[in-house]
Amino acid sequence: LNDSRFDGSEILVARENFGCGSSREHAPWAILDYGFRVVI
């Protein structure tokens, strides 16, 4: 996220078990507020 080549990206790609841990709804709020609309 500190690499300027990815500035303005709306698609985040990650490995398995993304979003594990506590059920806090703040996690998707942070992802959306940053600018990501799609997670793969």
PDB file of all heavy atoms in Angstrom:
ATOM      1  N   LEU A   1       0.814  -1.217   0.000  1.00  0.00           N
ATOM      2  CA  LEU A   1       0.000   0.000   0.000  1.00  0.00           C
ATOM      3  C   LEU A   1       0.848   1.267   0.000  1.00  0.00           C
ATOM      4  O   LEU A   1       0.331   2.356  -0.256  1.00  0.00           O
ATOM      5  CB  LEU A   1      -0.966   0.019   1.186  1.00  0.00           C
ATOM      6  CG  LEU A   1      -2.375  -0.509   0.895  1.00  0.00           C
ATOM      7  CD1 LEU A   1      -2.346  -1.981   0.534  1.00  0.00           C
ATOM      8  CD2 LEU A   1      -3.318  -0.260   2.051  1.00  0.00           C
ATOM      9  N   ASN A   2       2.143   1.137   0.267  1.00  0.00           N
ATOM     10  CA  ASN A   2       3.048   2.284   0.216  1.00  0.00           C
ATOM     11  C   ASN A   2       3.735   2.410  -1.138  1.00  0.00           C
ATOM     12  O   ASN A   2       4.580   3.285  -1.320  1.00  0.00           O
ATOM     13  CB  ASN A   2       4.096   2.181   1.326  1.00  0.00           C
ATOM     14  CG  ASN A   2       3.469   2.313   2.697  1.00  0.00           C
ATOM     15  OD1 ASN A   2       2.415   2.921   2.848  1.00  0.00           O
ATOM     16  ND2 ASN A   2       4.105   1.735   3.708  1.00  0.00           N
ATOM     17  N   ASP A   3       3.380   1.566  -2.077  1.00  0.00           N
ATOM     18  CA  ASP A   3       3.944   1.587  -3.430  1.00  0.00           C
ATOM     19  C   ASP A   3       3.032   2.431  -4.313  1.00  0.00           C
ATOM     20  O   ASP A   3       1.877   2.070  -4.549  1.00  0.00           O
ATOM     21  CB  ASP A   3       4.040   0.151  -3.957  1.00  0.00           C
ATOM     22  CG  ASP A   3       4.783   0.047  -5.270  1.00  0.00           C
ATOM     23  OD1 ASP A   3       4.780   1.021  -6.042  1.00  0.00           O
ATOM     24  OD2 ASP A   3       5.356  -1.030  -5.533  1.00  0.00           O
ATOM     25  N   SER A   4       3.537   3.536  -4.804  1.00  0.00           N
ATOM     26  CA  SER A   4       2.720   4.485  -5.577  1.00  0.00           C
ATOM     27  C   SER A   4       2.157   3.878  -6.856  1.00  0.00           C
ATOM     28  O   SER A   4       1.193   4.407  -7.419  1.00  0.00           O
ATOM     29  CB  SER A   4       3.528   5.738  -5.910  1.00  0.00           C
ATOM     30  OG  SER A   4       4.648   5.406  -6.709  1.00  0.00           O
ATOM     31  N   ARG A   5       2.718   2.767  -7.317  1.00  0.00           N
ATOM     32  CA  ARG A   5       2.197   2.128  -8.537  1.00  0.00           C
ATOM     33  C   ARG A   5       0.766   1.634  -8.335  1.00  0.00           C
ATOM     34  O   ARG A   5       0.036   1.451  -9.306  1.00  0.00           O
ATOM     35  CB  ARG A   5       3.076   0.945  -8.945  1.00  0.00           C
ATOM     36  CG  ARG A   5       4.484   1.316  -9.354  1.00  0.00           C
ATOM     37  CD  ARG A   5       5.303   0.088  -9.693  1.00  0.00           C
ATOM     38  NE  ARG A   5       5.339  -0.855  -8.577  1.00  0.00           N
ATOM     39  CZ  ARG A   5       5.682  -2.133  -8.687  1.00  0.00           C
ATOM     40  NH1 ARG A   5       6.014  -2.638  -9.873  1.00  0.00           N
ATOM     41  NH2 ARG A   5       5.704  -2.914  -7.626  1.00  0.00           N
ATOM     42  N   PHE A   6       0.363   1.440  -7.084  1.00  0.00           N
ATOM     43  CA  PHE A   6      -0.966   0.908  -6.809  1.00  0.00           C
ATOM     44  C   PHE A   6      -1.935   1.969  -6.275  1.00  0.00           C
ATOM     45  O   PHE A   6      -3.032   1.635  -5.837  1.00  0.00           O
ATOM     46  CB  PHE A   6      -0.862  -0.271  -5.834  1.00  0.00           C
ATOM     47  CG  PHE A   6       0.070  -1.342  -6.323  1.00  0.00           C
ATOM     48  CD1 PHE A   6       1.304  -1.545  -5.720  1.00  0.00           C
ATOM     49  CD2 PHE A   6      -0.259  -2.123  -7.419  1.00  0.00           C
ATOM     50  CE1 PHE A   6       2.180  -2.516  -6.179  1.00  0.00           C
ATOM     51  CE2 PHE A   6       0.607  -3.095  -7.894  1.00  0.00           C
ATOM     52  CZ  PHE A   6       1.830  -3.295  -7.281  1.00  0.00           C
ATOM     53  N   ASP A   7      -1.528   3.227  -6.327  1.00  0.00           N
ATOM     54  CA  ASP A   7      -2.411   4.306  -5.873  1.00  0.00           C
ATOM     55  C   ASP A   7      -3.707   4.298  -6.679  1.00  0.00           C
ATOM     56  O   ASP A   7      -3.698   4.156  -7.903  1.00  0.00           O
ATOM     57  CB  ASP A   7      -1.729   5.671  -6.026  1.00  0.00           C
ATOM     58  CG  ASP A   7      -0.620   5.894  -5.015  1.00  0.00           C
ATOM     59  OD1 ASP A   7      -0.470   5.067  -4.098  1.00  0.00           O
ATOM     60  OD2 ASP A   7       0.102   6.902  -5.155  1.00  0.00           O
ATOM     61  N   GLY A   8      -4.818   4.470  -5.991  1.00  0.00           N
ATOM     62  CA  GLY A   8      -6.120   4.524  -6.657  1.00  0.00           C
ATOM     63  C   GLY A   8      -6.708   3.168  -6.996  1.00  0.00           C
ATOM     64  O   GLY A   8      -7.782   3.088  -7.590  1.00  0.00           O
ATOM     65  N   SER A   9      -6.033   2.092  -6.600  1.00  0.00           N
ATOM     66  CA  SER A   9      -6.531   0.742  -6.885  1.00  0.00           C
ATOM     67  C   SER A   9      -7.857   0.496  -6.172  1.00  0.00           C
ATOM     68  O   SER A   9      -8.051   0.910  -5.025  1.00  0.00           O
ATOM     69  CB  SER A   9      -5.506  -0.296  -6.427  1.00  0.00           C
ATOM     70  OG  SER A   9      -6.043  -1.604  -6.480  1.00  0.00           O
ATOM     71  N   GLU A  10      -8.765  -0.193  -6.852  1.00  0.00           N
ATOM     72  CA  GLU A  10     -10.063  -0.541  -6.269  1.00  0.00           C
ATOM     73  C   GLU A  10     -10.221  -2.045  -6.069  1.00  0.00           C
ATOM     74  O   GLU A  10     -11.272  -2.499  -5.630  1.00  0.00           O
ATOM     75  CB  GLU A  10     -11.193  -0.046  -7.176  1.00  0.00           C
ATOM     76  CG  GLU A  10     -11.263   1.464  -7.307  1.00  0.00           C
ATOM     77  CD  GLU A  10     -12.404   1.903  -8.183  1.00  0.00           C
ATOM     78  OE1 GLU A  10     -13.563   1.853  -7.715  1.00  0.00           O
ATOM     79  OE2 GLU A  10     -12.150   2.277  -9.345  1.00  0.00           O
ATOM     80  N   ILE A  11      -9.170  -2.818  -6.404  1.00  0.00           N
ATOM     81  CA  ILE A  11      -9.240  -4.281  -6.304  1.00  0.00           C
ATOM     82  C   ILE A  11      -8.065  -4.779  -5.468  1.00  0.00           C
ATOM     83  O   ILE A  11      -6.905  -4.588  -5.827  1.00  0.00           O
ATOM     84  CB  ILE A  11      -9.205  -4.938  -7.705  1.00  0.00           C
ATOM     85  CG1 ILE A  11     -10.368  -4.428  -8.567  1.00  0.00           C
ATOM     86  CG2 ILE A  11      -9.244  -6.464  -7.582  1.00  0.00           C
ATOM     87  CD1 ILE A  11     -10.299  -4.874 -10.027  1.00  0.00           C
ATOM     88  N   LEU A  12      -8.378  -5.423  -4.352  1.00  0.00           N
ATOM     89  CA  LEU A  12      -7.370  -5.988  -3.465  1.00  0.00           C
ATOM     90  C   LEU A  12      -7.357  -7.500  -3.647  1.00  0.00           C
ATOM     91  O   LEU A  12      -8.412  -8.143  -3.584  1.00  0.00           O
ATOM     92  CB  LEU A  12      -7.702  -5.637  -2.011  1.00  0.00           C
ATOM     93  CG  LEU A  12      -6.752  -6.137  -0.930  1.00  0.00           C
ATOM     94  CD1 LEU A  12      -5.389  -5.465  -1.068  1.00  0.00           C
ATOM     95  CD2 LEU A  12      -7.339  -5.869   0.456  1.00  0.00           C
ATOM     96  N   VAL A  13      -6.182  -8.073  -3.868  1.00  0.00           N
ATOM     97  CA  VAL A  13      -6.049  -9.528  -4.031  1.00  0.00           C
ATOM     98  C   VAL A  13      -5.167 -10.054  -2.907  1.00  0.00           C
ATOM     99  O   VAL A  13      -4.079  -9.525  -2.657  1.00  0.00           O
ATOM    100  CB  VAL A  13      -5.435  -9.895  -5.403  1.00  0.00           C
ATOM    101  CG1 VAL A  13      -5.317 -11.414  -5.549  1.00  0.00           C
ATOM    102  CG2 VAL A  13      -6.274  -9.319  -6.543  1.00  0.00           C
ATOM    103  N   ALA A  14      -5.643 -11.083  -2.203  1.00  0.00           N
ATOM    104  CA  ALA A  14      -4.904 -11.648  -1.073  1.00  0.00           C
ATOM    105  C   ALA A  14      -5.032 -13.162  -1.066  1.00  0.00           C
ATOM    106  O   ALA A  14      -5.758 -13.739  -1.878  1.00  0.00           O
ATOM    107  CB  ALA A  14      -5.417 -11.060   0.236  1.00  0.00           C
ATOM    108  N   ARG A  15      -4.351 -13.773  -0.133  1.00  0.00           N
ATOM    109  CA  ARG A  15      -4.376 -15.238  -0.033  1.00  0.00           C
ATOM    110  C   ARG A  15      -5.528 -15.706   0.856  1.00  0.00           C
ATOM    111  O   ARG A  15      -6.377 -14.920   1.241  1.00  0.00           O
ATOM    112  CB  ARG A  15      -3.028 -15.741   0.478  1.00  0.00           C
ATOM    113  CG  ARG A  15      -1.899 -15.501  -0.524  1.00  0.00           C
ATOM    114  CD  ARG A  15      -0.642 -16.242  -0.142  1.00  0.00           C
ATOM    115  NE  ARG A  15       0.428 -15.999  -1.110  1.00  0.00           N
ATOM    116  CZ  ARG A  15       0.566 -16.666  -2.247  1.00  0.00           C
ATOM    117  NH1 ARG A  15      -0.275 -17.619  -2.567  1.00  0.00           N
ATOM    118  NH2 ARG A  15       1.573 -16.378  -3.065  1.00  0.00           N
ATOM    119  N   GLU A  16      -5.511 -16.990   1.210  1.00  0.00           N
ATOM    120  CA  GLU A  16      -6.643 -17.634   1.868  1.00  0.00           C
ATOM    121  C   GLU A  16      -6.917 -17.104   3.274  1.00  0.00           C
ATOM    122  O   GLU A  16      -6.048 -16.548   3.920  1.00  0.00           O
ATOM    123  CB  GLU A  16      -6.430 -19.157   1.934  1.00  0.00           C
ATOM    124  CG  GLU A  16      -5.366 -19.626   2.910  1.00  0.00           C
ATOM    125  CD  GLU A  16      -3.952 -19.507   2.368  1.00  0.00           C
ATOM    126  OE1 GLU A  16      -3.768 -19.163   1.186  1.00  0.00           O
ATOM    127  OE2 GLU A  16      -3.003 -19.769   3.148  1.00  0.00           O
ATOM    128  N   ASN A  17      -8.172 -17.310   3.695  1.00  0.00           N
ATOM    129  CA  ASN A  17      -8.649 -16.995   5.038  1.00  0.00           C
ATOM    130  C   ASN A  17      -8.568 -15.496   5.334  1.00  0.00           C
ATOM    131  O   ASN A  17      -8.208 -15.096   6.437  1.00  0.00           O
ATOM    132  CB  ASN A  17      -7.874 -17.808   6.090  1.00  0.00           C
ATOM    133  CG  ASN A  17      -8.614 -17.891   7.409  1.00  0.00           C
ATOM    134  OD1 ASN A  17      -9.841 -17.816   7.460  1.00  0.00           O
ATOM    135  ND2 ASN A  17      -7.865 -18.050   8.486  1.00  0.00           N
ATOM    136  N   PHE A  18      -8.925 -14.698   4.364  1.00  0.00           N
ATOM    137  CA  PHE A  18      -8.888 -13.250   4.534  1.00  0.00           C
ATOM    138  C   PHE A  18     -10.022 -12.819   5.473  1.00  0.00           C
ATOM    139  O   PHE A  18     -11.144 -13.303   5.370  1.00  0.00           O
ATOM    140  CB  PHE A  18      -9.044 -12.551   3.180  1.00  0.00           C
ATOM    141  CG  PHE A  18      -8.760 -11.087   3.224  1.00  0.00           C
ATOM    142  CD1 PHE A  18      -7.457 -10.617   3.113  1.00  0.00           C
ATOM    143  CD2 PHE A  18      -9.785 -10.169   3.379  1.00  0.00           C
ATOM    144  CE1 PHE A  18      -7.183  -9.255   3.160  1.00  0.00           C
ATOM    145  CE2 PHE A  18      -9.526  -8.806   3.432  1.00  0.00           C
ATOM    146  CZ  PHE A  18      -8.217  -8.347   3.314  1.00  0.00           C
ATOM    147  N   GLY A  19      -9.709 -11.909   6.392  1.00  0.00           N
ATOM    148  CA  GLY A  19     -10.724 -11.396   7.313  1.00  0.00           C
ATOM    149  C   GLY A  19     -11.008 -12.293   8.495  1.00  0.00           C
ATOM    150  O   GLY A  19     -12.079 -12.202   9.108  1.00  0.00           O
ATOM    151  N   CYS A  20     -10.057 -13.155   8.849  1.00  0.00           N
ATOM    152  CA  CYS A  20     -10.253 -14.030  10.011  1.00  0.00           C
ATOM    153  C   CYS A  20     -10.141 -13.192  11.288  1.00  0.00           C
ATOM    154  O   CYS A  20      -9.819 -12.017  11.251  1.00  0.00           O
ATOM    155  CB  CYS A  20      -9.233 -15.165  10.009  1.00  0.00           C
ATOM    156  SG  CYS A  20      -7.506 -14.620   9.988  1.00  0.00           S
ATOM    157  N   GLY A  21     -10.417 -13.803  12.418  1.00  0.00           N
ATOM    158  CA  GLY A  21     -10.323 -13.089  13.684  1.00  0.00           C
ATOM    159  C   GLY A  21     -11.673 -12.581  14.141  1.00  0.00           C
ATOM    160  O   GLY A  21     -12.706 -13.182  13.856  1.00  0.00           O
ATOM    161  N   SER A  22     -11.675 -11.456  14.836  1.00  0.00           N
ATOM    162  CA  SER A  22     -12.914 -10.923  15.422  1.00  0.00           C
ATOM    163  C   SER A  22     -13.867 -10.452  14.327  1.00  0.00           C
ATOM    164  O   SER A  22     -13.469 -10.231  13.180  1.00  0.00           O
ATOM    165  CB  SER A  22     -12.600  -9.775  16.384  1.00  0.00           C
ATOM    166  OG  SER A  22     -12.111  -8.666  15.667  1.00  0.00           O
ATOM    167  N   SER A  23     -15.116 -10.272  14.697  1.00  0.00           N
ATOM    168  CA  SER A  23     -16.166  -9.991  13.722  1.00  0.00           C
ATOM    169  C   SER A  23     -16.368  -8.499  13.476  1.00  0.00           C
ATOM    170  O   SER A  23     -17.381  -8.105  12.920  1.00  0.00           O
ATOM    171  CB  SER A  23     -17.485 -10.606  14.195  1.00  0.00           C
ATOM    172  OG  SER A  23     -17.862 -10.045  15.436  1.00  0.00           O
ATOM    173  N   ARG A  24     -15.424  -7.664  13.847  1.00  0.00           N
ATOM    174  CA  ARG A  24     -15.616  -6.215  13.768  1.00  0.00           C
ATOM    175  C   ARG A  24     -15.989  -5.751  12.364  1.00  0.00           C
ATOM    176  O   ARG A  24     -15.319  -6.062  11.387  1.00  0.00           O
ATOM    177  CB  ARG A  24     -14.377  -5.476  14.271  1.00  0.00           C
ATOM    178  CG  ARG A  24     -13.133  -5.689  13.452  1.00  0.00           C
ATOM    179  CD  ARG A  24     -11.908  -5.094  14.098  1.00  0.00           C
ATOM    180  NE  ARG A  24     -11.607  -5.772  15.343  1.00  0.00           N
ATOM    181  CZ  ARG A  24     -10.455  -5.642  15.994  1.00  0.00           C
ATOM    182  NH1 ARG A  24      -9.516  -4.865  15.529  1.00  0.00           N
ATOM    183  NH2 ARG A  24     -10.252  -6.288  17.124  1.00  0.00           N
ATOM    184  N   GLU A  25     -17.087  -4.995  12.296  1.00  0.00           N
ATOM    185  CA  GLU A  25     -17.553  -4.468  11.009  1.00  0.00           C
ATOM    186  C   GLU A  25     -16.676  -3.324  10.519  1.00  0.00           C
ATOM    187  O   GLU A  25     -16.729  -2.936   9.358  1.00  0.00           O
ATOM    188  CB  GLU A  25     -19.006  -4.007  11.141  1.00  0.00           C
ATOM    189  CG  GLU A  25     -19.718  -3.882   9.812  1.00  0.00           C
ATOM    190  CD  GLU A  25     -21.224  -3.719   9.956  1.00  0.00           C
ATOM    191  OE1 GLU A  25     -21.707  -3.561  11.094  1.00  0.00           O
ATOM    192  OE2 GLU A  25     -21.907  -3.757   8.927  1.00  0.00           O
ATOM    193  N   HIS A  26     -15.830  -2.807  11.409  1.00  0.00           N
ATOM    194  CA  HIS A  26     -14.920  -1.729  11.032  1.00  0.00           C
ATOM    195  C   HIS A  26     -13.943  -2.172   9.940  1.00  0.00           C
ATOM    196  O   HIS A  26     -13.436  -1.329   9.198  1.00  0.00           O
ATOM    197  CB  HIS A  26     -14.118  -1.266  12.247  1.00  0.00           C
ATOM    198  CG  HIS A  26     -14.962  -0.785  13.379  1.00  0.00           C
ATOM    199  ND1 HIS A  26     -15.667  -1.654  14.188  1.00  0.00           N
ATOM    200  CD2 HIS A  26     -15.231   0.463  13.839  1.00  0.00           C
ATOM    201  CE1 HIS A  26     -16.311  -0.951  15.118  1.00  0.00           C
ATOM    202  NE2 HIS A  26     -16.076   0.331  14.922  1.00  0.00           N
ATOM    203  N   ALA A  27     -13.667  -3.482   9.847  1.00  0.00           N
ATOM    204  CA  ALA A  27     -12.711  -3.967   8.845  1.00  0.00           C
ATOM    205  C   ALA A  27     -13.187  -3.666   7.415  1.00  0.00           C
ATOM    206  O   ALA A  27     -12.451  -3.049   6.640  1.00  0.00           O
ATOM    207  CB  ALA A  27     -12.435  -5.455   9.040  1.00  0.00           C
ATOM    208  N   PRO A  28     -14.411  -4.062   7.030  1.00  0.00           N
ATOM    209  CA  PRO A  28     -14.859  -3.666   5.695  1.00  0.00           C
ATOM    210  C   PRO A  28     -15.038  -2.158   5.555  1.00  0.00           C
ATOM    211  O   PRO A  28     -14.823  -1.615   4.464  1.00  0.00           O
ATOM    212  CB  PRO A  28     -16.191  -4.409   5.504  1.00  0.00           C
ATOM    213  CG  PRO A  28     -16.573  -4.936   6.824  1.00  0.00           C
ATOM    214  CD  PRO A  28     -15.341  -5.036   7.648  1.00  0.00           C
ATOM    215  N   TRP A  29     -15.391  -1.450   6.637  1.00  0.00           N
ATOM    216  CA  TRP A  29     -15.491   0.006   6.549  1.00  0.00           C
ATOM    217  C   TRP A  29     -14.141   0.600   6.153  1.00  0.00           C
ATOM    218  O   TRP A  29     -14.080   1.507   5.329  1.00  0.00           O
ATOM    219  CB  TRP A  29     -15.913   0.610   7.893  1.00  0.00           C
ATOM    220  CG  TRP A  29     -17.299   0.260   8.343  1.00  0.00           C
ATOM    221  CD1 TRP A  29     -18.268  -0.395   7.635  1.00  0.00           C
ATOM    222  CD2 TRP A  29     -17.874   0.544   9.618  1.00  0.00           C
ATOM    223  NE1 TRP A  29     -19.404  -0.542   8.393  1.00  0.00           N
ATOM    224  CE2 TRP A  29     -19.198   0.030   9.615  1.00  0.00           C
ATOM    225  CE3 TRP A  29     -17.407   1.181  10.763  1.00  0.00           C
ATOM    226  CZ2 TRP A  29     -20.042   0.139  10.712  1.00  0.00           C
ATOM    227  CZ3 TRP A  29     -18.244   1.299  11.859  1.00  0.00           C
ATOM    228  CH2 TRP A  29     -19.555   0.776  11.837  1.00  0.00           C
ATOM    229  N   ALA A  30     -13.057   0.095   6.749  1.00  0.00           N
ATOM    230  CA  ALA A  30     -11.722   0.615   6.450  1.00  0.00           C
ATOM    231  C   ALA A  30     -11.319   0.290   5.010  1.00  0.00           C
ATOM    232  O   ALA A  30     -10.740   1.124   4.308  1.00  0.00           O
ATOM    233  CB  ALA A  30     -10.698   0.038   7.436  1.00  0.00           C
ATOM    234  N   ILE A  31     -11.630  -0.925   4.568  1.00  0.00           N
ATOM    235  CA  ILE A  31     -11.294  -1.330   3.201  1.00  0.00           C
ATOM    236  C   ILE A  31     -12.022  -0.454   2.184  1.00  0.00           C
ATOM    237  O   ILE A  31     -11.416   0.066   1.234  1.00  0.00           O
ATOM    238  CB  ILE A  31     -11.630  -2.826   2.997  1.00  0.00           C
ATOM    239  CG1 ILE A  31     -10.638  -3.687   3.780  1.00  0.00           C
ATOM    240  CG2 ILE A  31     -11.621  -3.201   1.514  1.00  0.00           C
ATOM    241  CD1 ILE A  31     -11.014  -5.148   3.877  1.00  0.00           C
ATOM    242  N   LEU A  32     -13.316  -0.246   2.410  1.00  0.00           N
ATOM    243  CA  LEU A  32     -14.111   0.565   1.490  1.00  0.00           C
ATOM    244  C   LEU A  32     -13.688   2.035   1.538  1.00  0.00           C
ATOM    245  O   LEU A  32     -13.551   2.678   0.491  1.00  0.00           O
ATOM    246  CB  LEU A  32     -15.594   0.430   1.835  1.00  0.00           C
ATOM    247  CG  LEU A  32     -16.588   1.093   0.878  1.00  0.00           C
ATOM    248  CD1 LEU A  32     -16.502   0.476  -0.513  1.00  0.00           C
ATOM    249  CD2 LEU A  32     -18.012   0.977   1.423  1.00  0.00           C
ATOM    250  N   ASP A  33     -13.447   2.552   2.726  1.00  0.00           N
ATOM    251  CA  ASP A  33     -13.070   3.949   2.867  1.00  0.00           C
ATOM    252  C   ASP A  33     -11.710   4.224   2.221  1.00  0.00           C
ATOM    253  O   ASP A  33     -11.471   5.325   1.705  1.00  0.00           O
ATOM    254  CB  ASP A  33     -13.049   4.346   4.351  1.00  0.00           C
ATOM    255  CG  ASP A  33     -12.960   5.848   4.546  1.00  0.00           C
ATOM    256  OD1 ASP A  33     -13.925   6.549   4.167  1.00  0.00           O
ATOM    257  OD2 ASP A  33     -11.942   6.320   5.071  1.00  0.00           O
ATOM    258  N   TYR A  34     -10.837   3.229   2.218  1.00  0.00           N
ATOM    259  CA  TYR A  34      -9.534   3.389   1.563  1.00  0.00           C
ATOM    260  C   TYR A  34      -9.697   3.478   0.046  1.00  0.00           C
ATOM    261  O   TYR A  34      -8.905   4.116  -0.637  1.00  0.00           O
ATOM    262  CB  TYR A  34      -8.618   2.216   1.935  1.00  0.00           C
ATOM    263  CG  TYR A  34      -7.216   2.385   1.407  1.00  0.00           C
ATOM    264  CD1 TYR A  34      -6.273   3.129   2.122  1.00  0.00           C
ATOM    265  CD2 TYR A  34      -6.820   1.814   0.200  1.00  0.00           C
ATOM    266  CE1 TYR A  34      -4.984   3.300   1.638  1.00  0.00           C
ATOM    267  CE2 TYR A  34      -5.540   1.977  -0.290  1.00  0.00           C
ATOM    268  CZ  TYR A  34      -4.618   2.721   0.428  1.00  0.00           C
ATOM    269  OH  TYR A  34      -3.345   2.890  -0.054  1.00  0.00           O
ATOM    270  N   GLY A  35     -10.738   2.811  -0.476  1.00  0.00           N
ATOM    271  CA  GLY A  35     -10.992   2.875  -1.917  1.00  0.00           C
ATOM    272  C   GLY A  35     -11.183   1.536  -2.599  1.00  0.00           C
ATOM    273  O   GLY A  35     -11.506   1.487  -3.789  1.00  0.00           O
ATOM    274  N   PHE A  36     -11.012   0.447  -1.856  1.00  0.00           N
ATOM    275  CA  PHE A  36     -11.212  -0.871  -2.454  1.00  0.00           C
ATOM    276  C   PHE A  36     -12.703  -1.198  -2.522  1.00  0.00           C
ATOM    277  O   PHE A  36     -13.406  -1.097  -1.528  1.00  0.00           O
ATOM    278  CB  PHE A  36     -10.484  -1.958  -1.651  1.00  0.00           C
ATOM    279  CG  PHE A  36      -8.985  -1.854  -1.708  1.00  0.00           C
ATOM    280  CD1 PHE A  36      -8.260  -1.608  -0.554  1.00  0.00           C
ATOM    281  CD2 PHE A  36      -8.313  -1.997  -2.914  1.00  0.00           C
ATOM    282  CE1 PHE A  36      -6.876  -1.502  -0.603  1.00  0.00           C
ATOM    283  CE2 PHE A  36      -6.926  -1.895  -2.972  1.00  0.00           C
ATOM    284  CZ  PHE A  36      -6.205  -1.640  -1.813  1.00  0.00           C
ATOM    285  N   ARG A  37     -13.166  -1.609  -3.703  1.00  0.00           N
ATOM    286  CA  ARG A  37     -14.565  -2.008  -3.877  1.00  0.00           C
ATOM    287  C   ARG A  37     -14.692  -3.507  -4.080  1.00  0.00           C
ATOM    288  O   ARG A  37     -15.775  -4.069  -3.969  1.00  0.00           O
ATOM    289  CB  ARG A  37     -15.169  -1.270  -5.071  1.00  0.00           C
ATOM    290  CG  ARG A  37     -15.048   0.252  -4.891  1.00  0.00           C
ATOM    291  CD  ARG A  37     -15.950   1.024  -5.781  1.00  0.00           C
ATOM    292  NE  ARG A  37     -17.315   0.781  -5.378  1.00  0.00           N
ATOM    293  CZ  ARG A  37     -18.325   0.729  -6.236  1.00  0.00           C
ATOM    294  NH1 ARG A  37     -18.135   0.877  -7.517  1.00  0.00           N
ATOM    295  NH2 ARG A  37     -19.546   0.510  -5.807  1.00  0.00           N
ATOM    296  N   VAL A  38     -13.565  -4.154  -4.409  1.00  0.00           N
ATOM    297  CA  VAL A  38     -13.536  -5.595  -4.676  1.00  0.00           C
ATOM    298  C   VAL A  38     -12.358  -6.199  -3.924  1.00  0.00           C
ATOM    299  O   VAL A  38     -11.262  -5.628  -3.909  1.00  0.00           O
ATOM    300  CB  VAL A  38     -13.378  -5.877  -6.189  1.00  0.00           C
ATOM    301  CG1 VAL A  38     -13.251  -7.370  -6.460  1.00  0.00           C
ATOM    302  CG2 VAL A  38     -14.526  -5.262  -6.985  1.00  0.00           C
ATOM    303  N   VAL A  39     -12.589  -7.354  -3.295  1.00  0.00           N
ATOM    304  CA  VAL A  39     -11.508  -8.141  -2.690  1.00  0.00           C
ATOM    305  C   VAL A  39     -11.570  -9.522  -3.328  1.00  0.00           C
ATOM    306  O   VAL A  39     -12.650 -10.105  -3.456  1.00  0.00           O
ATOM    307  CB  VAL A  39     -11.653  -8.260  -1.160  1.00  0.00           C
ATOM    308  CG1 VAL A  39     -10.503  -9.078  -0.575  1.00  0.00           C
ATOM    309  CG2 VAL A  39     -11.703  -6.884  -0.506  1.00  0.00           C
ATOM    310  N   ILE A  40     -10.414 -10.032  -3.740  1.00  0.00           N
ATOM    311  CA  ILE A  40     -10.330 -11.366  -4.339  1.00  0.00           C
ATOM    312  C   ILE A  40      -9.405 -12.217  -3.482  1.00  0.00           C
ATOM    313  O   ILE A  40      -8.283 -11.803  -3.175  1.00  0.00           O
ATOM    314  CB  ILE A  40      -9.793 -11.303  -5.789  1.00  0.00           C
ATOM    315  CG1 ILE A  40     -10.713 -10.447  -6.673  1.00  0.00           C
ATOM    316  CG2 ILE A  40      -9.637 -12.713  -6.371  1.00  0.00           C
ATOM    317  CD1 ILE A  40     -10.170 -10.198  -8.074  1.00  0.00           C
TER     318      ILE A  40
END
